Structures are given as C-alpha cells and as structure tokens.
Amino acid sequence: MQALIERKHQTVQHLKDQPEMLVCDQLKKVYPTPKGDYVVLDDLNLSIRKGEFVSIIGHSGCGKSTLLTMIAGLNDISGGKIKVDGTPVIEAGPDRAVVFQSPSLLPWLSALDNVMIGVKQVFPHASRAQKQDICKYYLDKVGLGADFDKKAHSLSQGMQQRVGIARAFALKPKLLLLDEPFGMLDSLTRGELQDVLLEIWQREKITAVAITHDVDESIFLADRVIMMTSGPYAKIGDELIIPFERPRVRKAVLEHPEYYDYRGYLMNFLNH
C-alpha cells in the first residue's frame, strides 16, 4: 500500500510525452433555485492527455454526469473554461462522442441506420458505400456483424448498448465520453461489454473519460482514476494511477498482487 501511495500522483508513464487533450480550468457549475444558487461544481481542475483512459468516481449527486455533459457541450458552463485539443468548448460537436447509460436509439430504425445518422453528419462527402462500410466495421467490432438489419426495438438491452458504442466510435471523435454506459446491464453482460469497449479503444487510441459508480470497473478500464468530493461545491478530491499492462486481461488484473490495494484505496476515499 505504501508503494501505491508514493506513486499515486505520478504521470502515466506511456503518456508522459503526449499533449493535453482535455483541460478543465477552474470549472464551475451553478443552478439557480428559489432558495438561491446551488453550486454543483466549484474550482474543478482536470487535465487529461491524448490517448489516456480516465475513470471518474464519486457518490451520487457529486456532479460527475454534470461534468461530463459540460465537456460534451450539452450543459452550459457557469465559470472557468473547458478546452478539447486546445479549442474552447462552446457547444456540442462531433469531436466529442457520448455513450449514455441508455443508448437512446431510434427504435424503428435498424442497427446500421442508427449508426448511419451520425456518420452522415461527420462524413458528408463520403459515398453511401463508404459510409455503410464505416457503420458495418464498428458494428462488427462490437459483435453485431450478423445483426446490421435488425430493428433497434428487437434488440436486447445489451445489444442496443453495443450499437451505442459502435455509433460513438464511428464518429472518429477526439474524445469518447462514457456516462455509466453499463450501469443498467447485468453483471455478465457488463463484463462482456467492458472487454468489447477496451478492445476497440486499444485499437483506436481515442482519449476516453468514463463516469462510473463501480470501483472494480474504474480500475479495470482506466489508466487513472479521478475521485470527486461530495457536492455541493464538488471538485477533484484525489487521483490514482492504475499501472496494469495493456491490453488488459480481467483474470490477470484481478490476480495482480496490488489489485486489492488499489481497490481498498478507492473504497476508503468513498467511505470517508
């Protein structure tokens, strides 16, 4: 445990020479209420390097999802600034793809057509065949190679979330934002989709930010786990480098001699 504490704020070694992809500087979010302003986030500072996978954990109501929607450009910034690849975030854009807890597919469209909606916007000058190839490639990578033409309403919840993951990667974003994407799934399906996500992410090398309540998930997915303080006035409370080798193999991670030290450290933060 002592060795873990000594290196917990060190830079992720294989990313130390990478530029900053996401910077949140003195970020603030305030909601007006009849009883006065409610400050969700205050003086939040966060920097994530290109190609890094970061998990963010914290108690319900601490502003994790609020932070993610602000990065996505779906929620106004009350103070401070957010930059993605050096450009200030003002509104939503295809450089930031979001996978929500609910995939929010159009139920009357096929899996392919649901992915195609975004692809058409991001690649307007590509031929229809090229656009279809992009959609089919990512649907195949998430395990839906035989289900291109199935209507979304006929797919299981796990399959629908696979479409949501394919849709996000198909946009070729600079930043992948994941808002508890496996929170509504059973444990077996959740584990399968974590593996699918990491396999595609490892190939694409997209910077990723995942909101999660699950400590084990945060460790398995991330290069670094960010811990948020409880709200109101929430901010970054601590962080922890996860040095396990990639590509990650679940059995090897769980059997690593320091795994339960990392888990215990995160649980201690959440409990105290």
Protein backbone atom coordinates (compact mmCIF):
# COMPACT_ATOMS: atom_id res chain seq x y z
CA MET A 1 0.00 0.00 0.00
CA GLN A 2 2.85 2.42 0.79
CA ALA A 3 4.32 1.99 -2.71
CA LEU A 4 0.90 2.72 -4.18
CA ILE A 5 0.55 5.94 -2.16
CA GLU A 6 4.03 7.11 -3.16
CA ARG A 7 3.28 6.88 -6.89
CA LYS A 8 -0.43 7.67 -6.97
CA HIS A 9 0.06 11.20 -8.40
CA GLN A 10 2.77 10.28 -10.90
CA THR A 11 2.23 10.74 -14.61
CA VAL A 12 1.02 7.74 -16.60
CA GLN A 13 4.41 6.73 -17.95
CA HIS A 14 3.49 5.72 -21.51
CA LEU A 15 1.58 9.00 -21.95
CA LYS A 16 4.05 11.45 -20.40
CA ASP A 17 5.09 12.87 -23.80
CA GLN A 18 1.53 13.18 -25.13
CA PRO A 19 -0.12 16.62 -25.38
CA GLU A 20 -3.13 17.59 -23.29
CA MET A 21 -6.38 16.60 -24.99
CA LEU A 22 -8.82 17.82 -22.32
CA VAL A 23 -8.32 20.68 -19.88
CA CYS A 24 -10.90 21.86 -17.34
CA ASP A 25 -9.69 25.07 -15.69
CA GLN A 26 -11.41 26.45 -12.56
CA LEU A 27 -14.65 24.97 -13.79
CA LYS A 28 -17.87 25.97 -12.06
CA LYS A 29 -21.50 24.93 -12.45
CA VAL A 30 -24.33 26.77 -10.72
CA TYR A 31 -28.07 26.08 -10.89
CA PRO A 32 -30.41 28.88 -9.74
CA THR A 33 -33.12 27.79 -7.29
CA PRO A 34 -35.88 29.65 -5.41
CA LYS A 35 -33.68 29.48 -2.31
CA GLY A 36 -30.59 30.80 -4.07
CA ASP A 37 -27.81 29.42 -6.23
CA TYR A 38 -26.92 25.74 -5.91
CA VAL A 39 -23.24 25.26 -6.71
CA VAL A 40 -22.70 21.76 -8.10
CA LEU A 41 -19.05 22.12 -9.16
CA ASP A 42 -16.59 24.73 -7.97
CA ASP A 43 -12.95 25.35 -8.90
CA LEU A 44 -12.64 21.99 -10.62
CA ASN A 45 -9.33 21.48 -12.42
CA LEU A 46 -8.58 18.46 -14.59
CA SER A 47 -6.09 17.66 -17.33
CA ILE A 48 -6.18 14.52 -19.49
CA ARG A 49 -3.53 13.59 -22.04
CA LYS A 50 -4.11 12.35 -25.57
CA GLY A 51 -4.79 8.61 -25.60
CA GLU A 52 -5.45 8.40 -21.86
CA PHE A 53 -8.39 6.49 -20.39
CA VAL A 54 -9.67 8.16 -17.22
CA SER A 55 -12.42 6.93 -14.91
CA ILE A 56 -14.26 9.36 -12.64
CA ILE A 57 -15.92 8.05 -9.48
CA GLY A 58 -17.81 9.67 -6.64
CA HIS A 59 -21.05 9.49 -4.72
CA SER A 60 -24.40 10.12 -6.39
CA GLY A 61 -25.08 13.83 -6.69
CA CYS A 62 -21.42 14.88 -6.72
CA GLY A 63 -21.69 16.24 -10.26
CA LYS A 64 -19.94 13.51 -12.28
CA SER A 65 -22.56 13.44 -15.02
CA THR A 66 -22.87 17.24 -14.90
CA LEU A 67 -19.14 17.46 -15.59
CA LEU A 68 -19.43 15.03 -18.50
CA THR A 69 -22.32 16.90 -20.12
CA MET A 70 -20.39 20.16 -19.78
CA ILE A 71 -17.41 18.60 -21.56
CA ALA A 72 -19.80 17.32 -24.23
CA GLY A 73 -21.18 20.83 -24.73
CA LEU A 74 -24.67 19.78 -23.64
CA ASN A 75 -24.66 21.80 -20.42
CA ASP A 76 -23.66 25.46 -20.06
CA ILE A 77 -20.51 26.41 -18.17
CA SER A 78 -21.12 28.80 -15.25
CA GLY A 79 -17.46 29.69 -14.76
CA GLY A 80 -13.98 28.69 -15.82
CA LYS A 81 -13.27 27.02 -19.15
CA ILE A 82 -13.03 23.68 -20.92
CA LYS A 83 -10.70 23.05 -23.86
CA VAL A 84 -10.56 19.99 -26.10
CA ASP A 85 -7.37 19.74 -28.14
CA GLY A 86 -6.77 23.43 -27.44
CA THR A 87 -10.21 24.60 -28.60
CA PRO A 88 -12.70 26.07 -26.09
CA VAL A 89 -15.92 24.09 -25.69
CA ILE A 90 -18.89 26.28 -26.56
CA GLU A 91 -21.42 23.77 -27.85
CA ALA A 92 -21.77 20.09 -28.73
CA GLY A 93 -19.69 18.76 -31.61
CA PRO A 94 -18.69 15.50 -33.31
CA ASP A 95 -15.20 15.72 -31.82
CA ARG A 96 -16.85 14.51 -28.57
CA ALA A 97 -18.92 11.33 -28.78
CA VAL A 98 -21.10 10.34 -25.83
CA VAL A 99 -22.28 6.89 -24.77
CA PHE A 100 -25.07 7.30 -22.21
CA GLN A 101 -26.47 4.77 -19.75
CA SER A 102 -29.44 4.39 -22.10
CA PRO A 103 -28.39 4.05 -25.76
CA SER A 104 -31.37 6.18 -26.94
CA LEU A 105 -31.69 4.51 -30.32
CA LEU A 106 -34.49 5.23 -32.77
CA PRO A 107 -36.48 2.01 -32.30
CA TRP A 108 -37.94 1.89 -35.82
CA LEU A 109 -34.51 2.07 -37.49
CA SER A 110 -32.07 -0.79 -37.98
CA ALA A 111 -28.80 -1.04 -36.06
CA LEU A 112 -26.95 0.10 -39.17
CA ASP A 113 -29.24 3.08 -39.77
CA ASN A 114 -28.90 4.20 -36.15
CA VAL A 115 -25.12 4.34 -36.57
CA MET A 116 -25.51 5.92 -40.00
CA ILE A 117 -27.26 9.02 -38.58
CA GLY A 118 -24.04 10.32 -37.06
CA VAL A 119 -21.78 9.06 -39.83
CA LYS A 120 -23.75 11.07 -42.40
CA GLN A 121 -23.15 14.24 -40.39
CA VAL A 122 -19.45 13.66 -39.79
CA PHE A 123 -18.56 12.35 -43.26
CA PRO A 124 -20.94 14.27 -45.59
CA HIS A 125 -18.71 13.91 -48.64
CA ALA A 126 -18.17 10.15 -48.38
CA SER A 127 -20.10 7.90 -50.73
CA ARG A 128 -23.00 5.87 -49.38
CA ALA A 129 -20.92 2.71 -49.74
CA GLN A 130 -18.09 4.27 -47.73
CA LYS A 131 -20.49 5.36 -45.00
CA GLN A 132 -22.00 1.89 -44.84
CA ASP A 133 -18.53 0.36 -44.62
CA ILE A 134 -17.74 2.56 -41.59
CA CYS A 135 -21.00 1.58 -39.87
CA LYS A 136 -20.60 -2.12 -40.61
CA TYR A 137 -16.97 -2.10 -39.47
CA TYR A 138 -17.81 -0.83 -35.99
CA LEU A 139 -20.97 -2.89 -35.64
CA ASP A 140 -18.88 -5.93 -36.45
CA LYS A 141 -16.29 -4.92 -33.87
CA VAL A 142 -18.93 -4.77 -31.12
CA GLY A 143 -20.19 -8.23 -32.07
CA LEU A 144 -23.20 -7.31 -34.21
CA GLY A 145 -21.81 -8.40 -37.56
CA ALA A 146 -24.86 -10.54 -38.24
CA ASP A 147 -27.39 -8.01 -36.94
CA PHE A 148 -26.94 -4.95 -39.17
CA ASP A 149 -30.54 -5.02 -40.38
CA LYS A 150 -32.32 -5.80 -37.12
CA LYS A 151 -34.61 -3.05 -35.84
CA ALA A 152 -33.42 -1.44 -32.61
CA HIS A 153 -36.65 -2.35 -30.79
CA SER A 154 -35.98 -6.05 -31.42
CA LEU A 155 -32.51 -5.96 -29.83
CA SER A 156 -31.78 -6.82 -26.21
CA GLN A 157 -30.61 -4.05 -23.88
CA GLY A 158 -27.03 -5.29 -24.14
CA MET A 159 -27.18 -5.37 -27.94
CA GLN A 160 -28.63 -1.87 -28.02
CA GLN A 161 -25.71 -0.63 -25.95
CA ARG A 162 -23.35 -2.32 -28.39
CA VAL A 163 -24.97 -0.22 -31.12
CA GLY A 164 -24.43 2.86 -28.94
CA ILE A 165 -20.72 2.04 -28.58
CA ALA A 166 -20.39 1.42 -32.33
CA ARG A 167 -22.17 4.71 -33.04
CA ALA A 168 -19.72 6.63 -30.84
CA PHE A 169 -16.56 5.11 -32.31
CA ALA A 170 -17.87 5.51 -35.87
CA LEU A 171 -17.75 9.29 -35.44
CA LYS A 172 -13.94 9.10 -35.10
CA PRO A 173 -14.06 11.54 -32.15
CA LYS A 174 -11.12 13.10 -30.37
CA LEU A 175 -12.79 12.41 -27.04
CA LEU A 176 -15.00 9.49 -26.03
CA LEU A 177 -17.34 10.30 -23.13
CA LEU A 178 -18.98 7.40 -21.28
CA ASP A 179 -21.73 8.16 -18.74
CA GLU A 180 -22.17 4.91 -16.81
CA PRO A 181 -22.73 3.03 -20.09
CA PHE A 182 -23.03 -0.37 -18.40
CA GLY A 183 -24.99 0.70 -15.33
CA MET A 184 -28.31 -0.82 -16.48
CA LEU A 185 -26.85 -4.18 -17.53
CA ASP A 186 -26.49 -7.46 -15.66
CA SER A 187 -23.01 -8.33 -14.42
CA LEU A 188 -22.25 -10.86 -17.17
CA THR A 189 -23.24 -8.51 -19.99
CA ARG A 190 -21.44 -5.63 -18.29
CA GLY A 191 -18.20 -7.61 -18.20
CA GLU A 192 -18.55 -8.60 -21.85
CA LEU A 193 -19.10 -5.01 -22.94
CA GLN A 194 -16.20 -3.72 -20.86
CA ASP A 195 -13.98 -6.13 -22.80
CA VAL A 196 -15.53 -5.01 -26.13
CA LEU A 197 -15.02 -1.36 -25.25
CA LEU A 198 -11.38 -1.83 -24.27
CA GLU A 199 -10.62 -3.90 -27.36
CA ILE A 200 -11.87 -1.19 -29.72
CA TRP A 201 -10.39 1.63 -27.63
CA GLN A 202 -6.99 -0.07 -27.64
CA ARG A 203 -7.07 -0.11 -31.44
CA GLU A 204 -8.44 3.41 -31.94
CA LYS A 205 -6.34 5.16 -29.22
CA ILE A 206 -9.08 7.71 -28.54
CA THR A 207 -8.90 9.73 -25.33
CA ALA A 208 -11.68 8.43 -23.08
CA VAL A 209 -13.47 9.62 -19.93
CA ALA A 210 -15.80 7.19 -18.15
CA ILE A 211 -18.20 8.06 -15.33
CA THR A 212 -18.87 5.08 -13.08
CA HIS A 213 -20.09 4.11 -9.60
CA ASP A 214 -18.29 0.77 -9.88
CA VAL A 215 -14.84 0.74 -8.26
CA ASP A 216 -13.81 -2.51 -9.97
CA GLU A 217 -14.90 -1.15 -13.35
CA SER A 218 -12.95 2.05 -12.79
CA ILE A 219 -9.77 0.08 -12.09
CA PHE A 220 -10.20 -2.34 -14.98
CA LEU A 221 -10.83 0.34 -17.60
CA ALA A 222 -8.60 3.24 -16.66
CA ASP A 223 -5.03 4.48 -16.74
CA ARG A 224 -6.03 6.88 -13.98
CA VAL A 225 -8.99 7.09 -11.59
CA ILE A 226 -10.22 10.55 -10.60
CA MET A 227 -12.09 10.78 -7.27
CA MET A 228 -14.61 13.59 -6.80
CA THR A 229 -15.62 15.07 -3.47
CA SER A 230 -19.28 15.03 -2.48
CA GLY A 231 -21.38 18.02 -3.51
CA PRO A 232 -22.29 20.76 -3.31
CA TYR A 233 -19.10 22.62 -4.32
CA ALA A 234 -17.66 19.36 -5.62
CA LYS A 235 -14.16 19.24 -7.06
CA ILE A 236 -11.39 16.73 -7.68
CA GLY A 237 -10.52 15.17 -4.34
CA ASP A 238 -7.80 12.71 -5.28
CA GLU A 239 -6.48 10.61 -8.15
CA LEU A 240 -4.81 7.26 -8.57
CA ILE A 241 -2.60 5.92 -11.36
CA ILE A 242 -3.51 2.37 -12.45
CA PRO A 243 -0.29 0.90 -13.91
CA PHE A 244 -1.57 -2.51 -15.07
CA GLU A 245 -0.32 -3.50 -18.50
CA ARG A 246 -2.43 -3.16 -21.63
CA PRO A 247 -4.17 -4.84 -23.26
CA ARG A 248 -5.97 -5.66 -20.03
CA VAL A 249 -6.95 -9.23 -19.22
CA ARG A 250 -9.54 -9.42 -16.46
CA LYS A 251 -8.10 -12.52 -14.78
CA ALA A 252 -4.61 -11.01 -14.71
CA VAL A 253 -5.90 -7.73 -13.28
CA LEU A 254 -7.88 -9.46 -10.53
CA GLU A 255 -4.91 -11.66 -9.62
CA HIS A 256 -2.39 -8.80 -9.57
CA PRO A 257 -0.79 -8.65 -6.10
CA GLU A 258 -1.64 -4.94 -5.74
CA TYR A 259 -5.19 -5.07 -7.09
CA TYR A 260 -6.86 -5.04 -3.69
CA ASP A 261 -4.59 -2.23 -2.52
CA TYR A 262 -5.95 -0.07 -5.35
CA ARG A 263 -9.49 -1.19 -4.63
CA GLY A 264 -9.09 -0.53 -0.92
CA TYR A 265 -7.67 2.95 -1.53
CA LEU A 266 -10.65 3.93 -3.69
CA MET A 267 -13.17 2.43 -1.29
CA ASN A 268 -11.54 4.27 1.60
CA PHE A 269 -11.91 7.58 -0.25
CA LEU A 270 -15.56 6.93 -1.00
CA ASN A 271 -16.32 5.83 2.56
CA HIS A 272 -14.54 8.71 4.29
